Amino acid sequence: MANEVDPALLLTQAIIEGRVCLGENPATGYARLHDAGGDFVAEVPLNANGQYRFFARPATWTVKVLVPGKSAEKQVVVQSVGATKLEFSL
C-alpha cells in the first residue's frame, strides 16, 4: 500500500486491506466494513491506487466496495492480529 503499516502495529492490531481494480486499472470509490450481523461499521475512500485499509478486531467481517456503476462484497474471517488481504477485481 502507499502508506505501509508500522510493523509494530501488526503485532497488536488486526488489519483488513486490499486493492480494488476495474480490469487492470485501480478503481475509484469506497470500501465499507460491516460486522457479522450486517451492521455498518466504517467507510473509507479508495486511494489513487484503488487501495483501502481497516483496523478491526478478530471477527467475521464483510467488505463491500462501491465504485461508479458496480459493487461487490466479500466476507473475511480475521482470526488474529496482523494483515489480512482482500482483493477485488470488477
N, C-alpha and C. Protein backbone atom coordinates (compact mmCIF):
# COMPACT_ATOMS: atom_id res chain seq x y z
N MET A 1 0.85 -1.17 0.00
CA MET A 1 0.00 0.00 0.00
C MET A 1 0.89 1.23 0.00
N ALA A 2 0.33 2.34 -0.37
CA ALA A 2 1.10 3.57 -0.45
C ALA A 2 1.70 3.93 0.91
N ASN A 3 0.93 3.83 1.98
CA ASN A 3 1.43 4.08 3.33
C ASN A 3 1.53 2.75 4.04
N GLU A 4 2.76 2.27 4.20
CA GLU A 4 2.95 0.98 4.85
C GLU A 4 2.64 1.09 6.34
N VAL A 5 2.16 0.00 6.90
CA VAL A 5 1.83 -0.05 8.31
C VAL A 5 3.12 -0.31 9.10
N ASP A 6 3.27 0.40 10.20
CA ASP A 6 4.39 0.18 11.10
C ASP A 6 4.36 -1.29 11.53
N PRO A 7 5.45 -2.03 11.34
CA PRO A 7 5.46 -3.45 11.72
C PRO A 7 5.07 -3.70 13.17
N ALA A 8 5.34 -2.76 14.05
CA ALA A 8 4.96 -2.92 15.45
C ALA A 8 3.43 -2.99 15.61
N LEU A 9 2.69 -2.27 14.76
CA LEU A 9 1.23 -2.32 14.82
C LEU A 9 0.70 -3.71 14.48
N LEU A 10 1.40 -4.40 13.57
CA LEU A 10 0.95 -5.73 13.15
C LEU A 10 1.05 -6.74 14.28
N LEU A 11 1.77 -6.40 15.34
CA LEU A 11 1.88 -7.29 16.49
C LEU A 11 0.70 -7.14 17.44
N THR A 12 -0.06 -6.05 17.30
CA THR A 12 -1.15 -5.79 18.24
C THR A 12 -2.49 -5.50 17.57
N GLN A 13 -2.51 -5.27 16.27
CA GLN A 13 -3.74 -4.88 15.57
C GLN A 13 -4.07 -5.87 14.46
N ALA A 14 -5.35 -6.08 14.23
CA ALA A 14 -5.81 -6.83 13.06
C ALA A 14 -6.16 -5.82 11.98
N ILE A 15 -5.69 -6.08 10.79
CA ILE A 15 -5.88 -5.15 9.67
C ILE A 15 -6.48 -5.90 8.50
N ILE A 16 -7.50 -5.32 7.88
CA ILE A 16 -8.06 -5.83 6.63
C ILE A 16 -7.69 -4.81 5.58
N GLU A 17 -6.99 -5.24 4.54
CA GLU A 17 -6.59 -4.31 3.49
C GLU A 17 -6.58 -5.00 2.15
N GLY A 18 -6.64 -4.19 1.10
CA GLY A 18 -6.62 -4.76 -0.23
C GLY A 18 -6.69 -3.70 -1.29
N ARG A 19 -6.95 -4.16 -2.49
CA ARG A 19 -7.00 -3.29 -3.67
C ARG A 19 -8.24 -3.64 -4.48
N VAL A 20 -8.81 -2.61 -5.11
CA VAL A 20 -9.99 -2.79 -5.95
C VAL A 20 -9.60 -2.34 -7.36
N CYS A 21 -9.81 -3.21 -8.34
CA CYS A 21 -9.45 -2.89 -9.73
C CYS A 21 -10.65 -3.04 -10.64
N LEU A 22 -10.71 -2.19 -11.64
CA LEU A 22 -11.65 -2.33 -12.76
C LEU A 22 -10.79 -2.77 -13.93
N GLY A 23 -10.89 -4.05 -14.28
CA GLY A 23 -9.96 -4.58 -15.27
C GLY A 23 -8.58 -4.57 -14.65
N GLU A 24 -7.63 -3.91 -15.31
CA GLU A 24 -6.28 -3.81 -14.77
C GLU A 24 -6.01 -2.45 -14.14
N ASN A 25 -7.02 -1.58 -14.11
CA ASN A 25 -6.85 -0.23 -13.58
C ASN A 25 -7.37 -0.11 -12.16
N PRO A 26 -6.73 0.72 -11.33
CA PRO A 26 -7.25 0.95 -9.98
C PRO A 26 -8.62 1.60 -10.04
N ALA A 27 -9.50 1.17 -9.16
CA ALA A 27 -10.86 1.72 -9.10
C ALA A 27 -10.90 2.95 -8.20
N THR A 28 -11.89 3.79 -8.43
CA THR A 28 -12.19 4.90 -7.53
C THR A 28 -13.53 4.59 -6.88
N GLY A 29 -13.68 4.99 -5.65
CA GLY A 29 -14.92 4.73 -4.94
C GLY A 29 -14.66 4.56 -3.46
N TYR A 30 -15.41 3.64 -2.84
CA TYR A 30 -15.36 3.47 -1.39
C TYR A 30 -15.35 2.00 -1.02
N ALA A 31 -14.78 1.71 0.14
CA ALA A 31 -14.88 0.39 0.76
C ALA A 31 -15.61 0.57 2.08
N ARG A 32 -16.53 -0.35 2.36
CA ARG A 32 -17.30 -0.29 3.60
C ARG A 32 -17.07 -1.58 4.37
N LEU A 33 -17.03 -1.44 5.68
CA LEU A 33 -16.85 -2.57 6.57
C LEU A 33 -18.15 -2.81 7.33
N HIS A 34 -18.61 -4.07 7.32
CA HIS A 34 -19.83 -4.47 8.03
C HIS A 34 -19.49 -5.63 8.96
N ASP A 35 -20.13 -5.65 10.12
CA ASP A 35 -19.88 -6.74 11.06
C ASP A 35 -20.66 -7.98 10.67
N ALA A 36 -20.54 -9.04 11.47
CA ALA A 36 -21.18 -10.32 11.15
C ALA A 36 -22.69 -10.22 11.09
N GLY A 37 -23.27 -9.24 11.80
CA GLY A 37 -24.72 -9.04 11.77
C GLY A 37 -25.18 -8.17 10.61
N GLY A 38 -24.23 -7.70 9.80
CA GLY A 38 -24.56 -6.86 8.65
C GLY A 38 -24.59 -5.38 8.96
N ASP A 39 -24.28 -5.02 10.21
CA ASP A 39 -24.31 -3.61 10.59
C ASP A 39 -23.10 -2.87 10.02
N PHE A 40 -23.34 -1.66 9.54
CA PHE A 40 -22.29 -0.79 9.02
C PHE A 40 -21.36 -0.38 10.16
N VAL A 41 -20.04 -0.47 9.93
CA VAL A 41 -19.06 -0.12 10.94
C VAL A 41 -18.20 1.06 10.50
N ALA A 42 -17.73 1.04 9.23
CA ALA A 42 -16.82 2.09 8.78
C ALA A 42 -16.82 2.16 7.25
N GLU A 43 -16.36 3.31 6.75
CA GLU A 43 -16.22 3.51 5.31
C GLU A 43 -14.95 4.31 5.07
N VAL A 44 -14.19 3.91 4.04
CA VAL A 44 -13.00 4.66 3.64
C VAL A 44 -13.01 4.83 2.13
N PRO A 45 -12.49 5.95 1.64
CA PRO A 45 -12.34 6.10 0.19
C PRO A 45 -11.17 5.26 -0.30
N LEU A 46 -11.28 4.75 -1.50
CA LEU A 46 -10.15 4.06 -2.12
C LEU A 46 -9.10 5.11 -2.46
N ASN A 47 -7.83 4.79 -2.27
CA ASN A 47 -6.79 5.76 -2.62
C ASN A 47 -6.54 5.74 -4.12
N ALA A 48 -5.59 6.51 -4.59
CA ALA A 48 -5.32 6.64 -6.03
C ALA A 48 -4.92 5.31 -6.67
N ASN A 49 -4.47 4.35 -5.86
CA ASN A 49 -4.10 3.03 -6.37
C ASN A 49 -5.20 2.01 -6.18
N GLY A 50 -6.40 2.47 -5.76
CA GLY A 50 -7.52 1.56 -5.54
C GLY A 50 -7.44 0.78 -4.24
N GLN A 51 -6.61 1.24 -3.31
CA GLN A 51 -6.37 0.50 -2.07
C GLN A 51 -7.21 1.04 -0.91
N TYR A 52 -7.45 0.15 0.05
CA TYR A 52 -8.18 0.52 1.26
C TYR A 52 -7.55 -0.21 2.44
N ARG A 53 -7.86 0.26 3.66
CA ARG A 53 -7.37 -0.39 4.87
C ARG A 53 -8.33 -0.11 6.02
N PHE A 54 -8.63 -1.17 6.77
CA PHE A 54 -9.41 -1.06 8.01
C PHE A 54 -8.64 -1.69 9.15
N PHE A 55 -8.68 -1.08 10.31
CA PHE A 55 -8.19 -1.69 11.54
C PHE A 55 -9.42 -2.29 12.21
N ALA A 56 -9.37 -3.59 12.50
CA ALA A 56 -10.54 -4.29 13.03
C ALA A 56 -10.10 -5.37 14.00
N ARG A 57 -10.98 -5.74 14.89
CA ARG A 57 -10.67 -6.82 15.82
C ARG A 57 -10.88 -8.16 15.12
N PRO A 58 -10.26 -9.22 15.63
CA PRO A 58 -10.54 -10.54 15.07
C PRO A 58 -12.03 -10.86 15.15
N ALA A 59 -12.62 -11.20 14.03
CA ALA A 59 -14.06 -11.48 13.92
C ALA A 59 -14.36 -11.81 12.46
N THR A 60 -15.63 -12.05 12.17
CA THR A 60 -16.08 -12.21 10.79
C THR A 60 -16.58 -10.86 10.30
N TRP A 61 -16.08 -10.44 9.16
CA TRP A 61 -16.40 -9.14 8.58
C TRP A 61 -16.82 -9.29 7.13
N THR A 62 -17.57 -8.31 6.64
CA THR A 62 -17.87 -8.21 5.22
C THR A 62 -17.34 -6.88 4.73
N VAL A 63 -16.57 -6.93 3.65
CA VAL A 63 -16.09 -5.71 3.00
C VAL A 63 -16.92 -5.55 1.73
N LYS A 64 -17.55 -4.38 1.60
CA LYS A 64 -18.32 -4.05 0.40
C LYS A 64 -17.59 -2.91 -0.30
N VAL A 65 -17.43 -3.06 -1.62
CA VAL A 65 -16.82 -1.98 -2.39
C VAL A 65 -17.85 -1.38 -3.31
N LEU A 66 -17.84 -0.06 -3.40
CA LEU A 66 -18.77 0.69 -4.22
C LEU A 66 -17.96 1.57 -5.16
N VAL A 67 -18.06 1.29 -6.44
CA VAL A 67 -17.40 2.10 -7.46
C VAL A 67 -18.47 2.51 -8.46
N PRO A 68 -18.23 3.57 -9.22
CA PRO A 68 -19.28 4.01 -10.15
C PRO A 68 -19.79 2.87 -11.04
N GLY A 69 -21.08 2.57 -10.90
CA GLY A 69 -21.74 1.56 -11.72
C GLY A 69 -21.54 0.13 -11.29
N LYS A 70 -20.78 -0.12 -10.24
CA LYS A 70 -20.53 -1.51 -9.81
C LYS A 70 -20.40 -1.58 -8.30
N SER A 71 -20.63 -2.77 -7.78
CA SER A 71 -20.38 -3.03 -6.37
C SER A 71 -20.09 -4.52 -6.20
N ALA A 72 -19.44 -4.85 -5.11
CA ALA A 72 -19.14 -6.24 -4.80
C ALA A 72 -18.92 -6.35 -3.30
N GLU A 73 -19.03 -7.55 -2.78
CA GLU A 73 -18.75 -7.76 -1.37
C GLU A 73 -18.13 -9.12 -1.17
N LYS A 74 -17.31 -9.20 -0.12
CA LYS A 74 -16.67 -10.46 0.25
C LYS A 74 -16.63 -10.53 1.76
N GLN A 75 -16.79 -11.75 2.26
CA GLN A 75 -16.69 -11.98 3.69
C GLN A 75 -15.29 -12.48 4.01
N VAL A 76 -14.79 -12.07 5.15
CA VAL A 76 -13.46 -12.48 5.59
C VAL A 76 -13.50 -12.76 7.08
N VAL A 77 -12.79 -13.79 7.48
CA VAL A 77 -12.66 -14.11 8.90
C VAL A 77 -11.26 -13.71 9.33
N VAL A 78 -11.20 -12.77 10.24
CA VAL A 78 -9.93 -12.33 10.80
C VAL A 78 -9.76 -13.08 12.11
N GLN A 79 -8.73 -13.93 12.17
CA GLN A 79 -8.57 -14.79 13.33
C GLN A 79 -7.55 -14.30 14.34
N SER A 80 -6.67 -13.39 13.92
CA SER A 80 -5.64 -12.92 14.84
C SER A 80 -5.12 -11.57 14.37
N VAL A 81 -4.18 -11.04 15.10
CA VAL A 81 -3.57 -9.78 14.71
C VAL A 81 -2.74 -9.99 13.45
N GLY A 82 -2.41 -8.88 12.77
CA GLY A 82 -1.66 -8.95 11.53
C GLY A 82 -2.55 -8.51 10.37
N ALA A 83 -2.01 -8.57 9.18
CA ALA A 83 -2.74 -8.10 7.99
C ALA A 83 -3.45 -9.24 7.28
N THR A 84 -4.71 -9.02 6.93
CA THR A 84 -5.50 -9.93 6.11
C THR A 84 -5.77 -9.20 4.80
N LYS A 85 -5.39 -9.82 3.68
CA LYS A 85 -5.54 -9.21 2.36
C LYS A 85 -6.87 -9.66 1.75
N LEU A 86 -7.57 -8.70 1.13
CA LEU A 86 -8.83 -9.00 0.45
C LEU A 86 -8.89 -8.14 -0.80
N GLU A 87 -8.69 -8.76 -1.96
CA GLU A 87 -8.63 -8.05 -3.24
C GLU A 87 -9.96 -8.18 -3.99
N PHE A 88 -10.28 -7.17 -4.80
CA PHE A 88 -11.49 -7.18 -5.63
C PHE A 88 -11.10 -6.86 -7.07
N SER A 89 -11.64 -7.60 -8.01
CA SER A 89 -11.50 -7.32 -9.43
C SER A 89 -12.89 -7.23 -10.04
N LEU A 90 -13.25 -6.06 -10.52
CA LEU A 90 -14.61 -5.82 -11.04
C LEU A 90 -14.58 -5.67 -12.55
